[in-house]
Amino acid sequence: MMCHNQFSRYLVFGLKILQSI
């Protein structure tokens, strides 16, 4: 489950970058 939490963080980070563009 811990790995899932890390993956979620990466997803949020990617979404933020996409919005920034």
PDB file of N, CA and C in Angstrom:
ATOM      1  N   MET A   1       0.847  -1.215   0.000  1.00  0.00           N
ATOM      2  CA  MET A   1       0.000   0.000   0.000  1.00  0.00           C
ATOM      3  C   MET A   1       0.879   1.261   0.000  1.00  0.00           C
ATOM      4  N   MET A   2       2.024   1.159   0.655  1.00  0.00           N
ATOM      5  CA  MET A   2       2.901   2.333   0.707  1.00  0.00           C
ATOM      6  C   MET A   2       3.290   2.777  -0.700  1.00  0.00           C
ATOM      7  N   CYS A   3       3.573   1.779  -1.563  1.00  0.00           N
ATOM      8  CA  CYS A   3       3.966   2.111  -2.940  1.00  0.00           C
ATOM      9  C   CYS A   3       2.848   2.876  -3.621  1.00  0.00           C
ATOM     10  N   HIS A   4       1.605   2.494  -3.331  1.00  0.00           N
ATOM     11  CA  HIS A   4       0.462   3.169  -3.966  1.00  0.00           C
ATOM     12  C   HIS A   4       0.443   4.641  -3.588  1.00  0.00           C
ATOM     13  N   ASN A   5       0.769   4.928  -2.328  1.00  0.00           N
ATOM     14  CA  ASN A   5       0.768   6.325  -1.869  1.00  0.00           C
ATOM     15  C   ASN A   5       1.790   7.127  -2.661  1.00  0.00           C
ATOM     16  N   GLN A   6       2.972   6.538  -2.878  1.00  0.00           N
ATOM     17  CA  GLN A   6       4.011   7.256  -3.624  1.00  0.00           C
ATOM     18  C   GLN A   6       3.543   7.503  -5.054  1.00  0.00           C
ATOM     19  N   PHE A   7       2.921   6.496  -5.653  1.00  0.00           N
ATOM     20  CA  PHE A   7       2.446   6.629  -7.035  1.00  0.00           C
ATOM     21  C   PHE A   7       1.434   7.770  -7.127  1.00  0.00           C
ATOM     22  N   SER A   8       0.562   7.857  -6.138  1.00  0.00           N
ATOM     23  CA  SER A   8      -0.459   8.911  -6.144  1.00  0.00           C
ATOM     24  C   SER A   8       0.215  10.282  -6.122  1.00  0.00           C
ATOM     25  N   ARG A   9       1.286  10.399  -5.349  1.00  0.00           N
ATOM     26  CA  ARG A   9       1.992  11.696  -5.266  1.00  0.00           C
ATOM     27  C   ARG A   9       2.548  12.063  -6.635  1.00  0.00           C
ATOM     28  N   TYR A  10       3.118  11.069  -7.312  1.00  0.00           N
ATOM     29  CA  TYR A  10       3.691  11.345  -8.628  1.00  0.00           C
ATOM     30  C   TYR A  10       2.597  11.783  -9.593  1.00  0.00           C
ATOM     31  N   LEU A  11       1.425  11.149  -9.477  1.00  0.00           N
ATOM     32  CA  LEU A  11       0.304  11.493 -10.361  1.00  0.00           C
ATOM     33  C   LEU A  11      -0.103  12.946 -10.139  1.00  0.00           C
ATOM     34  N   VAL A  12      -0.224  13.338  -8.885  1.00  0.00           N
ATOM     35  CA  VAL A  12      -0.613  14.718  -8.570  1.00  0.00           C
ATOM     36  C   VAL A  12       0.430  15.686  -9.101  1.00  0.00           C
ATOM     37  N   PHE A  13       1.713  15.322  -8.933  1.00  0.00           N
ATOM     38  CA  PHE A  13       2.791  16.194  -9.412  1.00  0.00           C
ATOM     39  C   PHE A  13       2.695  16.374 -10.929  1.00  0.00           C
ATOM     40  N   GLY A  14       2.458  15.258 -11.632  1.00  0.00           N
ATOM     41  CA  GLY A  14       2.338  15.313 -13.095  1.00  0.00           C
ATOM     42  C   GLY A  14       1.158  16.181 -13.503  1.00  0.00           C
ATOM     43  N   LEU A  15       0.052  16.042 -12.805  1.00  0.00           N
ATOM     44  CA  LEU A  15      -1.136  16.839 -13.140  1.00  0.00           C
ATOM     45  C   LEU A  15      -0.834  18.324 -12.964  1.00  0.00           C
ATOM     46  N   LYS A  16      -0.129  18.668 -11.908  1.00  0.00           N
ATOM     47  CA  LYS A  16       0.218  20.074 -11.664  1.00  0.00           C
ATOM     48  C   LYS A  16       1.073  20.605 -12.803  1.00  0.00           C
ATOM     49  N   ILE A  17       2.031  19.804 -13.251  1.00  0.00           N
ATOM     50  CA  ILE A  17       2.912  20.244 -14.346  1.00  0.00           C
ATOM     51  C   ILE A  17       2.075  20.467 -15.604  1.00  0.00           C
ATOM     52  N   LEU A  18       1.153  19.534 -15.868  1.00  0.00           N
ATOM     53  CA  LEU A  18       0.311  19.665 -17.066  1.00  0.00           C
ATOM     54  C   LEU A  18      -0.494  20.954 -16.995  1.00  0.00           C
ATOM     55  N   GLN A  19      -1.035  21.255 -15.825  1.00  0.00           N
ATOM     56  CA  GLN A  19      -1.829  22.484 -15.667  1.00  0.00           C
ATOM     57  C   GLN A  19      -0.952  23.713 -15.849  1.00  0.00           C
ATOM     58  N   SER A  20       0.313  23.616 -15.418  1.00  0.00           N
ATOM     59  CA  SER A  20       1.224  24.764 -15.519  1.00  0.00           C
ATOM     60  C   SER A  20       1.476  25.117 -16.984  1.00  0.00           C
ATOM     61  N   ILE A  21       1.537  24.087 -17.828  1.00  0.00           N
ATOM     62  CA  ILE A  21       1.845  24.341 -19.243  1.00  0.00           C
ATOM     63  C   ILE A  21       0.709  25.153 -19.872  1.00  0.00           C
TER      64      ILE A  21
END
